[in-house]
Amino acid sequence: MNISDQTLPQPDQVKTETDLEYSKKARHGHGQDITDESGVRQVAGCLPIDPVNRRFLLVSSRKKPGAWVIPKGGWEQDETQEHAALRETWEEAGIKGNIIRQIGIFQERNKKGVKAHHWIYELEIREVVKKFPEKKKRERRWVSFNFHAFIIKKMDK
């Protein structure tokens, strides 16, 4: 679906973050993902923050072994961006929480140009569960705020 189409669901037909169901199975809505007027896929995700222990959570990438990524995935036709971000964070990381704010919109590029727009939100963690839909497909890794600052400084050199 194109985000500029007049056929977007009406507000009462769209799932919001309060409608989130913590399903035992990952939702696979291929063909249901929203695209922009250029056909670019729209992706939503959250950066789960643990402010008490000053850390955030990343998950292992399924496409790039050894890479650690923010939990994210396709924004589907019957969802808001926020709902999609919360759902993907649940499915990939087993995290329940509250969206605090939007961090930004980022472009994913490949050789052909823009591949996806990533709508990323800050999520304050409410609960970390042991069993979640993609537990057998992904690992979780906590990253301290201090380690993150070290990596950024190292990249700037």
N, C-alpha and C. Protein backbone atom coordinates (compact mmCIF):
# COMPACT_ATOMS: atom_id res chain seq x y z
N MET A 1 0.84 -1.17 0.00
CA MET A 1 0.00 0.00 0.00
C MET A 1 0.88 1.23 0.00
N ASN A 2 0.49 2.22 -0.72
CA ASN A 2 1.22 3.47 -0.84
C ASN A 2 0.72 4.44 0.23
N ILE A 3 1.64 5.07 0.99
CA ILE A 3 1.20 5.95 2.07
C ILE A 3 0.51 7.20 1.58
N SER A 4 0.59 7.51 0.30
CA SER A 4 -0.10 8.69 -0.21
C SER A 4 -1.46 8.33 -0.79
N ASP A 5 -1.79 7.04 -0.83
CA ASP A 5 -3.07 6.60 -1.38
C ASP A 5 -4.23 7.10 -0.52
N GLN A 6 -5.35 7.33 -1.17
CA GLN A 6 -6.56 7.70 -0.46
C GLN A 6 -7.19 6.47 0.20
N THR A 7 -6.62 5.30 -0.05
CA THR A 7 -7.20 4.07 0.46
C THR A 7 -6.64 3.66 1.81
N LEU A 8 -5.87 4.53 2.46
CA LEU A 8 -5.38 4.20 3.79
C LEU A 8 -6.57 3.93 4.70
N PRO A 9 -6.44 3.01 5.64
CA PRO A 9 -7.55 2.73 6.55
C PRO A 9 -7.96 3.97 7.33
N GLN A 10 -9.23 4.06 7.65
CA GLN A 10 -9.72 5.16 8.47
C GLN A 10 -9.20 4.97 9.89
N PRO A 11 -9.09 6.07 10.68
CA PRO A 11 -8.53 5.94 12.03
C PRO A 11 -9.17 4.85 12.89
N ASP A 12 -10.47 4.62 12.74
CA ASP A 12 -11.11 3.59 13.56
C ASP A 12 -10.80 2.17 13.06
N GLN A 13 -10.13 2.04 11.91
CA GLN A 13 -9.76 0.73 11.37
C GLN A 13 -8.29 0.41 11.61
N VAL A 14 -7.54 1.36 12.12
CA VAL A 14 -6.10 1.20 12.29
C VAL A 14 -5.78 0.80 13.73
N LYS A 15 -4.90 -0.20 13.87
CA LYS A 15 -4.48 -0.62 15.20
C LYS A 15 -3.52 0.41 15.77
N THR A 16 -3.72 0.77 17.00
CA THR A 16 -2.83 1.71 17.68
C THR A 16 -2.04 0.95 18.73
N GLU A 17 -1.12 1.66 19.39
CA GLU A 17 -0.28 1.00 20.38
C GLU A 17 -1.09 0.40 21.52
N THR A 18 -2.26 0.98 21.84
CA THR A 18 -3.07 0.42 22.92
C THR A 18 -3.76 -0.88 22.51
N ASP A 19 -3.83 -1.16 21.22
CA ASP A 19 -4.45 -2.39 20.71
C ASP A 19 -3.45 -3.54 20.59
N LEU A 20 -2.20 -3.32 20.95
CA LEU A 20 -1.17 -4.32 20.71
C LEU A 20 -1.47 -5.62 21.44
N GLU A 21 -1.45 -6.69 20.69
CA GLU A 21 -1.61 -8.02 21.26
C GLU A 21 -0.23 -8.68 21.25
N TYR A 22 0.18 -9.21 22.38
CA TYR A 22 1.48 -9.84 22.46
C TYR A 22 1.36 -11.29 22.03
N SER A 23 1.31 -11.49 20.73
CA SER A 23 1.11 -12.80 20.13
C SER A 23 2.32 -13.70 20.35
N LYS A 24 2.08 -15.01 20.35
CA LYS A 24 3.17 -15.97 20.48
C LYS A 24 3.89 -16.19 19.16
N LYS A 25 3.26 -15.80 18.06
CA LYS A 25 3.85 -15.97 16.74
C LYS A 25 4.09 -14.62 16.09
N ALA A 26 5.19 -14.53 15.34
CA ALA A 26 5.49 -13.31 14.59
C ALA A 26 4.49 -13.17 13.46
N ARG A 27 4.12 -11.95 13.21
CA ARG A 27 3.20 -11.65 12.12
C ARG A 27 4.02 -11.52 10.84
N HIS A 28 3.64 -12.19 9.79
CA HIS A 28 4.37 -12.10 8.53
C HIS A 28 3.44 -11.49 7.50
N GLY A 29 3.49 -10.17 7.36
CA GLY A 29 2.56 -9.47 6.49
C GLY A 29 3.16 -9.10 5.15
N HIS A 30 4.07 -9.91 4.64
CA HIS A 30 4.65 -9.60 3.33
C HIS A 30 3.51 -9.38 2.34
N GLY A 31 3.61 -8.31 1.59
CA GLY A 31 2.54 -7.94 0.69
C GLY A 31 1.58 -6.96 1.34
N GLN A 32 1.68 -6.82 2.66
CA GLN A 32 0.83 -5.89 3.40
C GLN A 32 1.60 -4.65 3.84
N ASP A 33 2.90 -4.60 3.56
CA ASP A 33 3.73 -3.48 3.99
C ASP A 33 3.35 -2.21 3.25
N ILE A 34 3.45 -1.12 3.96
CA ILE A 34 3.17 0.19 3.39
C ILE A 34 4.42 0.69 2.66
N THR A 35 4.22 1.30 1.50
CA THR A 35 5.30 1.94 0.75
C THR A 35 4.93 3.39 0.50
N ASP A 36 5.93 4.20 0.17
CA ASP A 36 5.62 5.59 -0.19
C ASP A 36 5.31 5.67 -1.68
N GLU A 37 5.12 6.89 -2.17
CA GLU A 37 4.73 7.08 -3.57
C GLU A 37 5.79 6.58 -4.55
N SER A 38 7.04 6.40 -4.08
CA SER A 38 8.11 5.89 -4.94
C SER A 38 8.29 4.37 -4.82
N GLY A 39 7.46 3.74 -4.00
CA GLY A 39 7.57 2.30 -3.80
C GLY A 39 8.56 1.91 -2.73
N VAL A 40 9.03 2.88 -1.93
CA VAL A 40 10.01 2.61 -0.87
C VAL A 40 9.28 2.05 0.35
N ARG A 41 9.76 0.92 0.84
CA ARG A 41 9.16 0.24 1.99
C ARG A 41 9.29 1.10 3.25
N GLN A 42 8.24 1.10 4.06
CA GLN A 42 8.23 1.82 5.33
C GLN A 42 8.43 0.83 6.47
N VAL A 43 9.41 1.11 7.32
CA VAL A 43 9.82 0.22 8.41
C VAL A 43 9.69 0.98 9.72
N ALA A 44 9.25 0.29 10.78
CA ALA A 44 9.13 0.93 12.09
C ALA A 44 9.81 0.06 13.13
N GLY A 45 10.41 0.72 14.13
CA GLY A 45 11.08 -0.01 15.20
C GLY A 45 11.34 0.86 16.40
N CYS A 46 11.82 0.22 17.46
CA CYS A 46 12.10 0.93 18.70
C CYS A 46 13.52 0.64 19.18
N LEU A 47 14.11 1.63 19.81
CA LEU A 47 15.36 1.45 20.54
C LEU A 47 14.96 1.29 22.00
N PRO A 48 14.98 0.05 22.52
CA PRO A 48 14.56 -0.18 23.90
C PRO A 48 15.61 0.33 24.89
N ILE A 49 15.17 1.24 25.76
CA ILE A 49 16.05 1.89 26.73
C ILE A 49 15.74 1.40 28.14
N ASP A 50 16.80 1.07 28.88
CA ASP A 50 16.69 0.73 30.30
C ASP A 50 17.39 1.87 31.05
N PRO A 51 16.63 2.93 31.44
CA PRO A 51 17.26 4.10 32.05
C PRO A 51 17.87 3.82 33.43
N VAL A 52 17.33 2.86 34.16
CA VAL A 52 17.83 2.55 35.50
C VAL A 52 19.26 2.01 35.42
N ASN A 53 19.49 1.09 34.48
CA ASN A 53 20.81 0.48 34.33
C ASN A 53 21.66 1.13 33.24
N ARG A 54 21.16 2.23 32.67
CA ARG A 54 21.86 3.03 31.67
C ARG A 54 22.36 2.15 30.51
N ARG A 55 21.40 1.49 29.86
CA ARG A 55 21.74 0.62 28.74
C ARG A 55 20.56 0.56 27.76
N PHE A 56 20.84 0.01 26.57
CA PHE A 56 19.79 -0.21 25.58
C PHE A 56 19.98 -1.60 24.99
N LEU A 57 18.95 -2.07 24.28
CA LEU A 57 18.97 -3.44 23.78
C LEU A 57 19.03 -3.48 22.26
N LEU A 58 19.88 -4.36 21.74
CA LEU A 58 19.94 -4.63 20.30
C LEU A 58 19.66 -6.12 20.10
N VAL A 59 19.29 -6.47 18.88
CA VAL A 59 19.05 -7.88 18.53
C VAL A 59 19.95 -8.27 17.37
N SER A 60 20.23 -9.57 17.28
CA SER A 60 21.05 -10.05 16.17
C SER A 60 20.27 -9.93 14.86
N SER A 61 20.99 -9.57 13.82
CA SER A 61 20.40 -9.45 12.49
C SER A 61 20.24 -10.83 11.88
N ARG A 62 19.10 -11.09 11.24
CA ARG A 62 18.91 -12.37 10.56
C ARG A 62 19.59 -12.35 9.20
N LYS A 63 19.72 -11.17 8.60
CA LYS A 63 20.28 -11.07 7.25
C LYS A 63 21.80 -10.92 7.24
N LYS A 64 22.35 -10.34 8.30
CA LYS A 64 23.79 -10.10 8.36
C LYS A 64 24.36 -10.73 9.63
N PRO A 65 24.86 -11.96 9.55
CA PRO A 65 25.41 -12.61 10.73
C PRO A 65 26.51 -11.76 11.39
N GLY A 66 26.45 -11.67 12.70
CA GLY A 66 27.43 -10.89 13.44
C GLY A 66 27.04 -9.44 13.64
N ALA A 67 25.99 -8.99 12.97
CA ALA A 67 25.53 -7.60 13.11
C ALA A 67 24.45 -7.52 14.19
N TRP A 68 24.44 -6.39 14.89
CA TRP A 68 23.45 -6.12 15.92
C TRP A 68 22.63 -4.92 15.49
N VAL A 69 21.31 -5.03 15.60
CA VAL A 69 20.42 -4.01 15.04
C VAL A 69 19.31 -3.65 16.03
N ILE A 70 18.66 -2.54 15.73
CA ILE A 70 17.46 -2.13 16.47
C ILE A 70 16.32 -3.03 16.00
N PRO A 71 15.48 -3.52 16.91
CA PRO A 71 14.33 -4.31 16.48
C PRO A 71 13.41 -3.46 15.59
N LYS A 72 13.12 -3.96 14.40
CA LYS A 72 12.31 -3.19 13.44
C LYS A 72 11.78 -4.11 12.37
N GLY A 73 10.79 -3.62 11.64
CA GLY A 73 10.23 -4.40 10.55
C GLY A 73 9.15 -3.63 9.84
N GLY A 74 8.50 -4.29 8.90
CA GLY A 74 7.52 -3.64 8.05
C GLY A 74 6.33 -3.05 8.79
N TRP A 75 5.98 -1.82 8.41
CA TRP A 75 4.78 -1.14 8.90
C TRP A 75 3.65 -1.62 8.00
N GLU A 76 2.66 -2.27 8.58
CA GLU A 76 1.60 -2.89 7.79
C GLU A 76 0.36 -2.01 7.70
N GLN A 77 -0.48 -2.33 6.74
CA GLN A 77 -1.62 -1.49 6.36
C GLN A 77 -2.61 -1.20 7.48
N ASP A 78 -2.78 -2.13 8.40
CA ASP A 78 -3.78 -1.93 9.45
C ASP A 78 -3.18 -1.40 10.75
N GLU A 79 -1.99 -0.77 10.68
CA GLU A 79 -1.30 -0.30 11.88
C GLU A 79 -0.91 1.17 11.75
N THR A 80 -0.72 1.80 12.91
CA THR A 80 -0.02 3.08 12.94
C THR A 80 1.47 2.77 12.95
N GLN A 81 2.30 3.77 12.74
CA GLN A 81 3.75 3.58 12.82
C GLN A 81 4.14 3.09 14.21
N GLU A 82 3.52 3.70 15.23
CA GLU A 82 3.85 3.36 16.61
C GLU A 82 3.47 1.91 16.92
N HIS A 83 2.31 1.49 16.45
CA HIS A 83 1.87 0.11 16.68
C HIS A 83 2.85 -0.86 16.02
N ALA A 84 3.23 -0.57 14.78
CA ALA A 84 4.18 -1.42 14.07
C ALA A 84 5.51 -1.49 14.82
N ALA A 85 5.98 -0.35 15.33
CA ALA A 85 7.25 -0.31 16.07
C ALA A 85 7.17 -1.17 17.34
N LEU A 86 6.08 -1.04 18.08
CA LEU A 86 5.90 -1.84 19.29
C LEU A 86 5.78 -3.32 18.97
N ARG A 87 5.03 -3.66 17.93
CA ARG A 87 4.86 -5.06 17.54
C ARG A 87 6.19 -5.69 17.14
N GLU A 88 6.95 -4.98 16.32
CA GLU A 88 8.25 -5.52 15.88
C GLU A 88 9.21 -5.68 17.06
N THR A 89 9.18 -4.74 17.99
CA THR A 89 10.05 -4.83 19.17
C THR A 89 9.66 -6.03 20.03
N TRP A 90 8.37 -6.28 20.14
CA TRP A 90 7.90 -7.47 20.86
C TRP A 90 8.34 -8.74 20.14
N GLU A 91 8.07 -8.83 18.84
CA GLU A 91 8.35 -10.05 18.09
C GLU A 91 9.84 -10.38 18.06
N GLU A 92 10.68 -9.38 17.84
CA GLU A 92 12.11 -9.62 17.65
C GLU A 92 12.92 -9.62 18.95
N ALA A 93 12.44 -8.89 19.98
CA ALA A 93 13.25 -8.73 21.19
C ALA A 93 12.57 -9.17 22.47
N GLY A 94 11.26 -9.42 22.44
CA GLY A 94 10.56 -9.81 23.66
C GLY A 94 10.46 -8.69 24.66
N ILE A 95 10.32 -7.47 24.17
CA ILE A 95 10.27 -6.28 25.02
C ILE A 95 8.88 -5.68 24.97
N LYS A 96 8.37 -5.34 26.16
CA LYS A 96 7.12 -4.58 26.28
C LYS A 96 7.51 -3.23 26.89
N GLY A 97 6.88 -2.17 26.42
CA GLY A 97 7.23 -0.87 26.95
C GLY A 97 6.36 0.24 26.41
N ASN A 98 6.78 1.46 26.70
CA ASN A 98 6.05 2.65 26.29
C ASN A 98 6.93 3.51 25.40
N ILE A 99 6.36 3.94 24.29
CA ILE A 99 7.09 4.86 23.41
C ILE A 99 7.19 6.21 24.10
N ILE A 100 8.41 6.73 24.14
CA ILE A 100 8.67 8.03 24.76
C ILE A 100 8.62 9.14 23.72
N ARG A 101 9.32 8.90 22.59
CA ARG A 101 9.37 9.92 21.54
C ARG A 101 9.91 9.28 20.26
N GLN A 102 9.72 10.00 19.16
CA GLN A 102 10.32 9.55 17.91
C GLN A 102 11.77 10.03 17.88
N ILE A 103 12.68 9.11 17.59
CA ILE A 103 14.10 9.48 17.49
C ILE A 103 14.37 10.10 16.13
N GLY A 104 13.79 9.52 15.08
CA GLY A 104 14.00 10.07 13.75
C GLY A 104 13.53 9.13 12.67
N ILE A 105 13.66 9.61 11.44
CA ILE A 105 13.35 8.82 10.25
C ILE A 105 14.65 8.69 9.47
N PHE A 106 15.06 7.47 9.20
CA PHE A 106 16.34 7.22 8.57
C PHE A 106 16.14 6.47 7.26
N GLN A 107 17.04 6.69 6.32
CA GLN A 107 16.97 6.00 5.03
C GLN A 107 17.93 4.82 5.01
N GLU A 108 17.45 3.70 4.51
CA GLU A 108 18.31 2.54 4.24
C GLU A 108 18.54 2.54 2.74
N ARG A 109 19.81 2.53 2.34
CA ARG A 109 20.15 2.60 0.92
C ARG A 109 20.85 1.33 0.46
N ASN A 110 20.71 1.07 -0.82
CA ASN A 110 21.49 0.02 -1.48
C ASN A 110 22.02 0.61 -2.78
N LYS A 111 22.58 -0.22 -3.64
CA LYS A 111 23.18 0.28 -4.89
C LYS A 111 22.16 0.96 -5.80
N LYS A 112 20.91 0.57 -5.67
CA LYS A 112 19.86 1.13 -6.53
C LYS A 112 19.24 2.41 -5.98
N GLY A 113 19.57 2.75 -4.74
CA GLY A 113 19.01 3.96 -4.14
C GLY A 113 18.39 3.68 -2.79
N VAL A 114 17.32 4.40 -2.46
CA VAL A 114 16.67 4.24 -1.16
C VAL A 114 15.87 2.94 -1.16
N LYS A 115 16.17 2.09 -0.18
CA LYS A 115 15.50 0.79 -0.06
C LYS A 115 14.33 0.87 0.93
N ALA A 116 14.50 1.65 2.01
CA ALA A 116 13.46 1.74 3.04
C ALA A 116 13.62 3.02 3.84
N HIS A 117 12.52 3.47 4.40
CA HIS A 117 12.53 4.54 5.39
C HIS A 117 12.26 3.88 6.74
N HIS A 118 13.12 4.16 7.73
CA HIS A 118 13.00 3.57 9.06
C HIS A 118 12.48 4.63 10.02
N TRP A 119 11.32 4.40 10.60
CA TRP A 119 10.70 5.27 11.60
C TRP A 119 11.07 4.68 12.96
N ILE A 120 11.99 5.33 13.69
CA ILE A 120 12.53 4.75 14.92
C ILE A 120 12.09 5.58 16.13
N TYR A 121 11.67 4.86 17.18
CA TYR A 121 11.16 5.46 18.41
C TYR A 121 11.99 5.02 19.60
N GLU A 122 12.06 5.89 20.61
CA GLU A 122 12.66 5.53 21.89
C GLU A 122 11.59 4.83 22.71
N LEU A 123 11.94 3.68 23.27
CA LEU A 123 11.00 2.89 24.05
C LEU A 123 11.53 2.70 25.46
N GLU A 124 10.77 3.14 26.45
CA GLU A 124 11.13 2.87 27.83
C GLU A 124 10.62 1.47 28.17
N ILE A 125 11.53 0.61 28.59
CA ILE A 125 11.20 -0.80 28.83
C ILE A 125 10.33 -0.93 30.08
N ARG A 126 9.25 -1.68 29.92
CA ARG A 126 8.35 -2.01 31.02
C ARG A 126 8.58 -3.46 31.47
N GLU A 127 8.88 -4.34 30.48
CA GLU A 127 9.06 -5.76 30.80
C GLU A 127 9.93 -6.43 29.73
N VAL A 128 10.82 -7.29 30.17
CA VAL A 128 11.62 -8.13 29.28
C VAL A 128 11.19 -9.57 29.55
N VAL A 129 10.69 -10.24 28.52
CA VAL A 129 10.17 -11.60 28.72
C VAL A 129 11.14 -12.64 28.15
N LYS A 130 11.03 -13.86 28.67
CA LYS A 130 11.91 -14.93 28.22
C LYS A 130 11.44 -15.58 26.93
N LYS A 131 10.12 -15.72 26.77
CA LYS A 131 9.57 -16.35 25.57
C LYS A 131 8.92 -15.29 24.69
N PHE A 132 9.37 -15.22 23.45
CA PHE A 132 8.82 -14.25 22.50
C PHE A 132 8.90 -14.86 21.10
N PRO A 133 8.16 -14.32 20.14
CA PRO A 133 8.02 -14.98 18.83
C PRO A 133 9.31 -15.36 18.11
N GLU A 134 10.33 -14.52 18.13
CA GLU A 134 11.55 -14.81 17.36
C GLU A 134 12.72 -15.24 18.25
N LYS A 135 12.41 -15.77 19.43
CA LYS A 135 13.45 -16.17 20.38
C LYS A 135 14.46 -17.16 19.77
N LYS A 136 13.98 -18.08 18.95
CA LYS A 136 14.87 -19.09 18.36
C LYS A 136 15.63 -18.55 17.15
N LYS A 137 15.28 -17.37 16.67
CA LYS A 137 15.91 -16.79 15.49
C LYS A 137 16.89 -15.67 15.81
N ARG A 138 16.81 -15.14 17.04
CA ARG A 138 17.61 -13.95 17.38
C ARG A 138 18.22 -14.07 18.76
N GLU A 139 19.30 -13.32 18.93
CA GLU A 139 19.91 -13.15 20.25
C GLU A 139 19.68 -11.70 20.66
N ARG A 140 19.73 -11.46 21.97
CA ARG A 140 19.61 -10.10 22.49
C ARG A 140 20.95 -9.70 23.10
N ARG A 141 21.27 -8.43 22.98
CA ARG A 141 22.51 -7.92 23.59
C ARG A 141 22.26 -6.55 24.20
N TRP A 142 22.62 -6.43 25.47
CA TRP A 142 22.54 -5.14 26.16
C TRP A 142 23.81 -4.35 25.87
N VAL A 143 23.64 -3.08 25.62
CA VAL A 143 24.78 -2.19 25.35
C VAL A 143 24.68 -1.03 26.33
N SER A 144 25.77 -0.81 27.08
CA SER A 144 25.75 0.28 28.06
C SER A 144 25.87 1.62 27.35
N PHE A 145 25.30 2.64 27.96
CA PHE A 145 25.42 3.99 27.39
C PHE A 145 26.89 4.36 27.26
N ASN A 146 27.73 3.97 28.23
CA ASN A 146 29.15 4.31 28.19
C ASN A 146 29.85 3.63 27.01
N PHE A 147 29.55 2.36 26.74
CA PHE A 147 30.16 1.66 25.62
C PHE A 147 29.75 2.31 24.31
N HIS A 148 28.51 2.70 24.20
CA HIS A 148 28.01 3.38 23.00
C HIS A 148 28.80 4.66 22.76
N ALA A 149 29.03 5.44 23.81
CA ALA A 149 29.79 6.69 23.67
C ALA A 149 31.22 6.39 23.22
N PHE A 150 31.82 5.31 23.73
CA PHE A 150 33.17 4.91 23.34
C PHE A 150 33.22 4.58 21.85
N ILE A 151 32.26 3.82 21.36
CA ILE A 151 32.23 3.44 19.94
C ILE A 151 32.08 4.67 19.05
N ILE A 152 31.21 5.58 19.43
CA ILE A 152 31.00 6.80 18.64
C ILE A 152 32.29 7.61 18.58
N LYS A 153 32.96 7.77 19.71
CA LYS A 153 34.22 8.52 19.74
C LYS A 153 35.26 7.84 18.84
N LYS A 154 35.34 6.52 18.89
CA LYS A 154 36.30 5.78 18.09
C LYS A 154 36.01 5.96 16.59
N MET A 155 34.73 6.00 16.22
CA MET A 155 34.36 6.18 14.82
C MET A 155 34.70 7.58 14.32
N ASP A 156 34.67 8.56 15.21
CA ASP A 156 34.97 9.95 14.84
C ASP A 156 36.44 10.17 14.53
N LYS A 157 37.32 9.30 15.02
CA LYS A 157 38.77 9.48 14.82
C LYS A 157 39.18 9.16 13.42
